[in-house]
Amino acid sequence: MADTNTIRHLRDPWSILGRIKHPLSKLRRLARKAISVLRSQYKTIAIDPPIIGYIAGASGKMQKRALITYVACPLYQSPDDLKRAAHSNFSQSVEIARAFNRLGYIVDVVDLRDHVFIPSVHYDVLFGMDYNFERLASYLDKKTKKIYYGTGADWAYENAAEQARSEMLIARRGIQLSPRHLKEHKWAELADSVIVIGNQVTLDTYQQRNPRLYVIDNSVLSKISLPDLDHKDFGLARQNFLWMGNTGLLRRGLDMVLDAFVHLHDVNLWVCGPLEREAESAFVRAYRHELFHVPNIHPLGWIDVYSKTFQELTDMCAFVIYASCTEGMSGSVLNCMARGLIPLISRDVGIDTDGIGVTFAQDSVDVIQQVVRDMVALSPDVLRRIAQEVYWQACTRYSLESFSQNIERILRAILG
């Protein structure tokens, strides 16, 4: 079990000491931003050039050509670099290209931020996402099959879900935080088929856009250290819960989790996320008391999943708790599952918890509190058994190897 005294906590930026350090940190951020703006005036954003004629995954003759617009930089990286990637989409991008190769396609890969590339040859397939998917499709023949790749829920569903969470927070606490608002688009309707990362919940958000839908599981980062569940003290670990998420603390449900744990004095919540980012300052200010002045809530900020701190936290905790209102399939939860943490999640996290965790019956503070109490009441032996099953699923169903097999199977079904 980790020594909690060795884990660095964030200070209240509005405390006396925080007010001294906070302006200095803000000045540093402003200086970095000013330098970035100046550089941008003289230098364009570095975007990896297109990969033309990728055939690394070939296993036979290739007589067709596919154009992918997704993440290009991973195809320039070494296998060792890919294993230490910060996001699963790096390794998945390579596996998508290789799956096309195995199906007989020479592949050209264009970064989704590359708005300059114009196709000059015929493509049998266009695969990708975002604005670049629509832009490139406009240059291609009508016979080109178009496959849209949805890595989150449908845009209209996301907007409605985030607006609802904002209104819930106003009703519950009188706190008003502006939700993100995605721009309307027709990317899914433009496609012949849509592949969605997530589960059936995520897939259902696209039903009104396109009837030809396929769902695929996300994958864990393969180089996360292995847990020692046989020797883990679940008697102590069941008192510790980890929240880990990315930007967008409101839509990720941190507000509800904090409101729940304020009244759960006998258990600890460890908060790992972008608490120091300027974009989250309104949220952090609104939840200043809960984050920095409640003894059982521990704000840690951003944590690298390859770090010793992440290993210590996941050794210390038995659960990952996450109440997002919109996801594809949360990579942060899957990475915690790869360390044996039992997922306690909202339905929109996009992960099936049958036999390996709990999906909240309703997104509310009361439900979260009851689930936490129920989990703490389980015996260490029961928790160990569940954690072992969680870890097994992370290593099998949610492995990169499974993703590779699934994307090939789906592409084969779409392309015939």
Foldseek 3Di string as FASTA:
>chain_A
DDDVVVFDFDAQLPDPVNVVVVVVVVVVVVVVVVVVVVVCVVDPDDADAKDFFDQVLADDAADFAEEEAAHHVLVVDDPVVLLQDQDLVSLLVVLLCSLCNPVRYGYMYHYNPPPPDADDDAHQEYEYEDPSLVVNVVRYDPNRAYEYEAFKADLVQQQVLQVVLQVVCCVVPVAHDDGDHDDDDLNLLVGQAYEFEFAPVRQVSCVVRYVRYHYAYAAASPPQDAADLVPQDLLQQLQEEEEADEPDCSQFLVVLVLVLVLPVLRHAYEYEYACPDPSCVSVCVVCVCSQHPRVRYGYRYHDRSNDPSVLSRLSRHQAYEIEGSMGRADRVRLNSLLNLHQYEYAVRNRDDRVLQHHHQPDRHSVSVNVRSVVSSPDDSVSSSVSSVVSNVCNVPRRHPVNRSVVSSVVVVVVVD
